[in-house]
Amino acid sequence: MADFFTVKAVFQVEDAKGKIKKQTETYLVDAMSVTEAEARLTTYLTERGENDFEIKSASKSNIVSVVASGK
């Protein structure tokens, strides 16, 4: 059975004035370990064309299940 991990990634984004700022986003990843969660998120972001990011942290989540509708 897989667990859920929260993984934080930091991106460098340009604001409306052209200033570079750091933006942190948190992802919920289904994985067996912290290492696997980090690797899955890295693959996910890279496949979507993100190149300028850093994995900042990863930890086991207290979430036990994700329920989604079939729609």
PDB file of N, CA and C in Angstrom:
ATOM      1  N   MET A   1       0.844  -1.181   0.000  1.00  0.00           N
ATOM      2  CA  MET A   1       0.000   0.000   0.000  1.00  0.00           C
ATOM      3  C   MET A   1       0.889   1.244   0.000  1.00  0.00           C
ATOM      4  N   ALA A   2       0.576   2.154  -0.872  1.00  0.00           N
ATOM      5  CA  ALA A   2       1.347   3.396  -0.972  1.00  0.00           C
ATOM      6  C   ALA A   2       0.880   4.395   0.072  1.00  0.00           C
ATOM      7  N   ASP A   3       1.737   5.332   0.382  1.00  0.00           N
ATOM      8  CA  ASP A   3       1.425   6.421   1.295  1.00  0.00           C
ATOM      9  C   ASP A   3       1.377   7.711   0.493  1.00  0.00           C
ATOM     10  N   PHE A   4       0.920   8.757   1.136  1.00  0.00           N
ATOM     11  CA  PHE A   4       0.903  10.075   0.516  1.00  0.00           C
ATOM     12  C   PHE A   4       1.954  10.951   1.180  1.00  0.00           C
ATOM     13  N   PHE A   5       2.633  11.740   0.361  1.00  0.00           N
ATOM     14  CA  PHE A   5       3.675  12.640   0.835  1.00  0.00           C
ATOM     15  C   PHE A   5       3.393  14.038   0.327  1.00  0.00           C
ATOM     16  N   THR A   6       3.680  15.031   1.167  1.00  0.00           N
ATOM     17  CA  THR A   6       3.620  16.409   0.698  1.00  0.00           C
ATOM     18  C   THR A   6       5.035  16.806   0.313  1.00  0.00           C
ATOM     19  N   VAL A   7       5.150  17.303  -0.914  1.00  0.00           N
ATOM     20  CA  VAL A   7       6.451  17.683  -1.449  1.00  0.00           C
ATOM     21  C   VAL A   7       6.372  19.142  -1.880  1.00  0.00           C
ATOM     22  N   LYS A   8       7.303  19.948  -1.399  1.00  0.00           N
ATOM     23  CA  LYS A   8       7.332  21.368  -1.735  1.00  0.00           C
ATOM     24  C   LYS A   8       8.412  21.640  -2.767  1.00  0.00           C
ATOM     25  N   ALA A   9       8.016  22.375  -3.798  1.00  0.00           N
ATOM     26  CA  ALA A   9       8.943  22.770  -4.853  1.00  0.00           C
ATOM     27  C   ALA A   9       8.979  24.291  -4.920  1.00  0.00           C
ATOM     28  N   VAL A  10      10.167  24.836  -5.118  1.00  0.00           N
ATOM     29  CA  VAL A  10      10.351  26.284  -5.208  1.00  0.00           C
ATOM     30  C   VAL A  10      10.671  26.634  -6.665  1.00  0.00           C
ATOM     31  N   PHE A  11       9.914  27.588  -7.189  1.00  0.00           N
ATOM     32  CA  PHE A  11      10.084  28.044  -8.564  1.00  0.00           C
ATOM     33  C   PHE A  11      10.551  29.490  -8.551  1.00  0.00           C
ATOM     34  N   GLN A  12      11.299  29.870  -9.572  1.00  0.00           N
ATOM     35  CA  GLN A  12      11.644  31.277  -9.754  1.00  0.00           C
ATOM     36  C   GLN A  12      10.692  31.822 -10.818  1.00  0.00           C
ATOM     37  N   VAL A  13       9.914  32.838 -10.425  1.00  0.00           N
ATOM     38  CA  VAL A  13       8.948  33.425 -11.349  1.00  0.00           C
ATOM     39  C   VAL A  13       9.208  34.923 -11.466  1.00  0.00           C
ATOM     40  N   GLU A  14       8.823  35.458 -12.593  1.00  0.00           N
ATOM     41  CA  GLU A  14       9.000  36.881 -12.839  1.00  0.00           C
ATOM     42  C   GLU A  14       7.668  37.574 -12.573  1.00  0.00           C
ATOM     43  N   ASP A  15       7.682  38.625 -11.737  1.00  0.00           N
ATOM     44  CA  ASP A  15       6.452  39.348 -11.452  1.00  0.00           C
ATOM     45  C   ASP A  15       6.171  40.380 -12.559  1.00  0.00           C
ATOM     46  N   ALA A  16       5.098  41.126 -12.410  1.00  0.00           N
ATOM     47  CA  ALA A  16       4.674  42.095 -13.423  1.00  0.00           C
ATOM     48  C   ALA A  16       5.715  43.183 -13.675  1.00  0.00           C
ATOM     49  N   LYS A  17       6.548  43.460 -12.698  1.00  0.00           N
ATOM     50  CA  LYS A  17       7.572  44.500 -12.835  1.00  0.00           C
ATOM     51  C   LYS A  17       8.899  43.936 -13.351  1.00  0.00           C
ATOM     52  N   GLY A  18       8.934  42.634 -13.657  1.00  0.00           N
ATOM     53  CA  GLY A  18      10.146  42.022 -14.172  1.00  0.00           C
ATOM     54  C   GLY A  18      11.106  41.539 -13.105  1.00  0.00           C
ATOM     55  N   LYS A  19      10.690  41.604 -11.848  1.00  0.00           N
ATOM     56  CA  LYS A  19      11.535  41.170 -10.738  1.00  0.00           C
ATOM     57  C   LYS A  19      11.376  39.658 -10.535  1.00  0.00           C
ATOM     58  N   ILE A  20      12.501  38.978 -10.330  1.00  0.00           N
ATOM     59  CA  ILE A  20      12.473  37.534 -10.096  1.00  0.00           C
ATOM     60  C   ILE A  20      12.182  37.274  -8.619  1.00  0.00           C
ATOM     61  N   LYS A  21      11.170  36.432  -8.394  1.00  0.00           N
ATOM     62  CA  LYS A  21      10.791  36.069  -7.028  1.00  0.00           C
ATOM     63  C   LYS A  21      10.696  34.555  -6.921  1.00  0.00           C
ATOM     64  N   LYS A  22      10.794  34.063  -5.688  1.00  0.00           N
ATOM     65  CA  LYS A  22      10.627  32.638  -5.434  1.00  0.00           C
ATOM     66  C   LYS A  22       9.179  32.371  -5.043  1.00  0.00           C
ATOM     67  N   GLN A  23       8.639  31.299  -5.600  1.00  0.00           N
ATOM     68  CA  GLN A  23       7.263  30.892  -5.303  1.00  0.00           C
ATOM     69  C   GLN A  23       7.285  29.423  -4.909  1.00  0.00           C
ATOM     70  N   THR A  24       6.715  29.099  -3.755  1.00  0.00           N
ATOM     71  CA  THR A  24       6.677  27.724  -3.276  1.00  0.00           C
ATOM     72  C   THR A  24       5.310  27.128  -3.536  1.00  0.00           C
ATOM     73  N   GLU A  25       5.292  25.923  -4.090  1.00  0.00           N
ATOM     74  CA  GLU A  25       4.049  25.193  -4.320  1.00  0.00           C
ATOM     75  C   GLU A  25       4.156  23.835  -3.651  1.00  0.00           C
ATOM     76  N   THR A  26       3.038  23.372  -3.101  1.00  0.00           N
ATOM     77  CA  THR A  26       3.000  22.096  -2.395  1.00  0.00           C
ATOM     78  C   THR A  26       2.191  21.087  -3.203  1.00  0.00           C
ATOM     79  N   TYR A  27       2.735  19.887  -3.347  1.00  0.00           N
ATOM     80  CA  TYR A  27       2.103  18.820  -4.107  1.00  0.00           C
ATOM     81  C   TYR A  27       1.859  17.619  -3.199  1.00  0.00           C
ATOM     82  N   LEU A  28       0.765  16.905  -3.449  1.00  0.00           N
ATOM     83  CA  LEU A  28       0.473  15.658  -2.754  1.00  0.00           C
ATOM     84  C   LEU A  28       0.860  14.531  -3.703  1.00  0.00           C
ATOM     85  N   VAL A  29       1.781  13.664  -3.254  1.00  0.00           N
ATOM     86  CA  VAL A  29       2.329  12.625  -4.123  1.00  0.00           C
ATOM     87  C   VAL A  29       2.077  11.257  -3.507  1.00  0.00           C
ATOM     88  N   ASP A  30       1.582  10.333  -4.321  1.00  0.00           N
ATOM     89  CA  ASP A  30       1.356   8.948  -3.925  1.00  0.00           C
ATOM     90  C   ASP A  30       2.656   8.182  -4.177  1.00  0.00           C
ATOM     91  N   ALA A  31       3.301   7.698  -3.112  1.00  0.00           N
ATOM     92  CA  ALA A  31       4.590   7.015  -3.261  1.00  0.00           C
ATOM     93  C   ALA A  31       4.824   6.076  -2.083  1.00  0.00           C
ATOM     94  N   MET A  32       5.892   5.291  -2.192  1.00  0.00           N
ATOM     95  CA  MET A  32       6.243   4.349  -1.123  1.00  0.00           C
ATOM     96  C   MET A  32       7.264   4.921  -0.144  1.00  0.00           C
ATOM     97  N   SER A  33       7.976   5.986  -0.565  1.00  0.00           N
ATOM     98  CA  SER A  33       9.002   6.569   0.286  1.00  0.00           C
ATOM     99  C   SER A  33       9.189   8.039  -0.075  1.00  0.00           C
ATOM    100  N   VAL A  34       9.895   8.764   0.775  1.00  0.00           N
ATOM    101  CA  VAL A  34      10.199  10.171   0.501  1.00  0.00           C
ATOM    102  C   VAL A  34      11.018  10.288  -0.779  1.00  0.00           C
ATOM    103  N   THR A  35      11.986   9.418  -0.939  1.00  0.00           N
ATOM    104  CA  THR A  35      12.842   9.453  -2.129  1.00  0.00           C
ATOM    105  C   THR A  35      12.017   9.257  -3.396  1.00  0.00           C
ATOM    106  N   GLU A  36      11.100   8.306  -3.368  1.00  0.00           N
ATOM    107  CA  GLU A  36      10.240   8.061  -4.529  1.00  0.00           C
ATOM    108  C   GLU A  36       9.326   9.251  -4.791  1.00  0.00           C
ATOM    109  N   ALA A  37       8.801   9.870  -3.735  1.00  0.00           N
ATOM    110  CA  ALA A  37       7.927  11.036  -3.890  1.00  0.00           C
ATOM    111  C   ALA A  37       8.682  12.186  -4.554  1.00  0.00           C
ATOM    112  N   GLU A  38       9.910  12.432  -4.133  1.00  0.00           N
ATOM    113  CA  GLU A  38      10.728  13.492  -4.739  1.00  0.00           C
ATOM    114  C   GLU A  38      10.996  13.183  -6.206  1.00  0.00           C
ATOM    115  N   ALA A  39      11.323  11.935  -6.509  1.00  0.00           N
ATOM    116  CA  ALA A  39      11.614  11.537  -7.891  1.00  0.00           C
ATOM    117  C   ALA A  39      10.373  11.667  -8.770  1.00  0.00           C
ATOM    118  N   ARG A  40       9.228  11.251  -8.245  1.00  0.00           N
ATOM    119  CA  ARG A  40       7.981  11.356  -9.024  1.00  0.00           C
ATOM    120  C   ARG A  40       7.633  12.804  -9.325  1.00  0.00           C
ATOM    121  N   LEU A  41       7.798  13.680  -8.344  1.00  0.00           N
ATOM    122  CA  LEU A  41       7.485  15.086  -8.578  1.00  0.00           C
ATOM    123  C   LEU A  41       8.471  15.700  -9.567  1.00  0.00           C
ATOM    124  N   THR A  42       9.735  15.355  -9.458  1.00  0.00           N
ATOM    125  CA  THR A  42      10.740  15.861 -10.401  1.00  0.00           C
ATOM    126  C   THR A  42      10.375  15.440 -11.825  1.00  0.00           C
ATOM    127  N   THR A  43      10.010  14.188 -12.014  1.00  0.00           N
ATOM    128  CA  THR A  43       9.599  13.694 -13.332  1.00  0.00           C
ATOM    129  C   THR A  43       8.350  14.420 -13.810  1.00  0.00           C
ATOM    130  N   TYR A  44       7.372  14.559 -12.932  1.00  0.00           N
ATOM    131  CA  TYR A  44       6.111  15.237 -13.267  1.00  0.00           C
ATOM    132  C   TYR A  44       6.363  16.662 -13.749  1.00  0.00           C
ATOM    133  N   LEU A  45       7.152  17.418 -13.013  1.00  0.00           N
ATOM    134  CA  LEU A  45       7.407  18.812 -13.368  1.00  0.00           C
ATOM    135  C   LEU A  45       8.248  18.925 -14.643  1.00  0.00           C
ATOM    136  N   THR A  46       9.239  18.076 -14.779  1.00  0.00           N
ATOM    137  CA  THR A  46      10.098  18.097 -15.963  1.00  0.00           C
ATOM    138  C   THR A  46       9.305  17.774 -17.224  1.00  0.00           C
ATOM    139  N   GLU A  47       8.414  16.794 -17.142  1.00  0.00           N
ATOM    140  CA  GLU A  47       7.590  16.428 -18.294  1.00  0.00           C
ATOM    141  C   GLU A  47       6.650  17.556 -18.711  1.00  0.00           C
ATOM    142  N   ARG A  48       6.351  18.462 -17.797  1.00  0.00           N
ATOM    143  CA  ARG A  48       5.478  19.597 -18.095  1.00  0.00           C
ATOM    144  C   ARG A  48       6.261  20.847 -18.487  1.00  0.00           C
ATOM    145  N   GLY A  49       7.557  20.676 -18.721  1.00  0.00           N
ATOM    146  CA  GLY A  49       8.375  21.769 -19.217  1.00  0.00           C
ATOM    147  C   GLY A  49       8.967  22.678 -18.156  1.00  0.00           C
ATOM    148  N   GLU A  50       8.807  22.326 -16.896  1.00  0.00           N
ATOM    149  CA  GLU A  50       9.412  23.115 -15.813  1.00  0.00           C
ATOM    150  C   GLU A  50      10.877  22.718 -15.686  1.00  0.00           C
ATOM    151  N   ASN A  51      11.759  23.683 -15.733  1.00  0.00           N
ATOM    152  CA  ASN A  51      13.185  23.381 -15.607  1.00  0.00           C
ATOM    153  C   ASN A  51      13.843  24.123 -14.458  1.00  0.00           C
ATOM    154  N   ASP A  52      13.261  25.227 -14.057  1.00  0.00           N
ATOM    155  CA  ASP A  52      13.866  26.083 -13.041  1.00  0.00           C
ATOM    156  C   ASP A  52      13.133  25.914 -11.712  1.00  0.00           C
ATOM    157  N   PHE A  53      13.340  24.751 -11.075  1.00  0.00           N
ATOM    158  CA  PHE A  53      12.701  24.492  -9.784  1.00  0.00           C
ATOM    159  C   PHE A  53      13.670  23.722  -8.893  1.00  0.00           C
ATOM    160  N   GLU A  54      13.354  23.726  -7.614  1.00  0.00           N
ATOM    161  CA  GLU A  54      14.145  22.992  -6.626  1.00  0.00           C
ATOM    162  C   GLU A  54      13.176  22.312  -5.670  1.00  0.00           C
ATOM    163  N   ILE A  55      13.391  21.030  -5.403  1.00  0.00           N
ATOM    164  CA  ILE A  55      12.594  20.332  -4.395  1.00  0.00           C
ATOM    165  C   ILE A  55      13.116  20.793  -3.043  1.00  0.00           C
ATOM    166  N   LYS A  56      12.250  21.421  -2.258  1.00  0.00           N
ATOM    167  CA  LYS A  56      12.667  22.017  -0.991  1.00  0.00           C
ATOM    168  C   LYS A  56      12.480  21.074   0.192  1.00  0.00           C
ATOM    169  N   SER A  57      11.360  20.325   0.194  1.00  0.00           N
ATOM    170  CA  SER A  57      11.121  19.406   1.307  1.00  0.00           C
ATOM    171  C   SER A  57      10.115  18.343   0.894  1.00  0.00           C
ATOM    172  N   ALA A  58      10.121  17.253   1.649  1.00  0.00           N
ATOM    173  CA  ALA A  58       9.157  16.176   1.450  1.00  0.00           C
ATOM    174  C   ALA A  58       8.929  15.504   2.790  1.00  0.00           C
ATOM    175  N   SER A  59       7.673  15.228   3.071  1.00  0.00           N
ATOM    176  CA  SER A  59       7.352  14.555   4.330  1.00  0.00           C
ATOM    177  C   SER A  59       6.086  13.729   4.172  1.00  0.00           C
ATOM    178  N   LYS A  60       5.969  12.717   5.020  1.00  0.00           N
ATOM    179  CA  LYS A  60       4.788  11.853   4.988  1.00  0.00           C
ATOM    180  C   LYS A  60       3.570  12.664   5.410  1.00  0.00           C
ATOM    181  N   SER A  61       2.488  12.478   4.680  1.00  0.00           N
ATOM    182  CA  SER A  61       1.249  13.198   4.958  1.00  0.00           C
ATOM    183  C   SER A  61       0.345  12.369   5.864  1.00  0.00           C
ATOM    184  N   ASN A  62      -0.533  13.040   6.600  1.00  0.00           N
ATOM    185  CA  ASN A  62      -1.513  12.355   7.424  1.00  0.00           C
ATOM    186  C   ASN A  62      -2.734  11.913   6.609  1.00  0.00           C
ATOM    187  N   ILE A  63      -2.792  12.273   5.358  1.00  0.00           N
ATOM    188  CA  ILE A  63      -3.917  11.893   4.499  1.00  0.00           C
ATOM    189  C   ILE A  63      -3.882  10.400   4.268  1.00  0.00           C
ATOM    190  N   VAL A  64      -5.016   9.739   4.463  1.00  0.00           N
ATOM    191  CA  VAL A  64      -5.065   8.294   4.320  1.00  0.00           C
ATOM    192  C   VAL A  64      -5.658   7.853   2.990  1.00  0.00           C
ATOM    193  N   SER A  65      -6.464   8.738   2.360  1.00  0.00           N
ATOM    194  CA  SER A  65      -7.077   8.376   1.094  1.00  0.00           C
ATOM    195  C   SER A  65      -7.529   9.639   0.379  1.00  0.00           C
ATOM    196  N   VAL A  66      -7.535   9.573  -0.953  1.00  0.00           N
ATOM    197  CA  VAL A  66      -8.063  10.648  -1.766  1.00  0.00           C
ATOM    198  C   VAL A  66      -9.299  10.099  -2.463  1.00  0.00           C
ATOM    199  N   VAL A  67     -10.429  10.760  -2.276  1.00  0.00           N
ATOM    200  CA  VAL A  67     -11.683  10.316  -2.863  1.00  0.00           C
ATOM    201  C   VAL A  67     -12.022  11.272  -4.003  1.00  0.00           C
ATOM    202  N   ALA A  68     -12.184  10.729  -5.194  1.00  0.00           N
ATOM    203  CA  ALA A  68     -12.499  11.556  -6.358  1.00  0.00           C
ATOM    204  C   ALA A  68     -13.768  11.034  -7.010  1.00  0.00           C
ATOM    205  N   SER A  69     -14.542  11.942  -7.566  1.00  0.00           N
ATOM    206  CA  SER A  69     -15.760  11.516  -8.246  1.00  0.00           C
ATOM    207  C   SER A  69     -15.405  10.945  -9.603  1.00  0.00           C
ATOM    208  N   GLY A  70     -16.283  10.172 -10.155  1.00  0.00           N
ATOM    209  CA  GLY A  70     -16.070   9.558 -11.461  1.00  0.00           C
ATOM    210  C   GLY A  70     -16.380  10.488 -12.612  1.00  0.00           C
ATOM    211  N   LYS A  71     -16.670  11.738 -12.347  1.00  0.00           N
ATOM    212  CA  LYS A  71     -17.056  12.687 -13.405  1.00  0.00           C
ATOM    213  C   LYS A  71     -15.868  13.349 -14.018  1.00  0.00           C
TER     214      LYS A  71
END
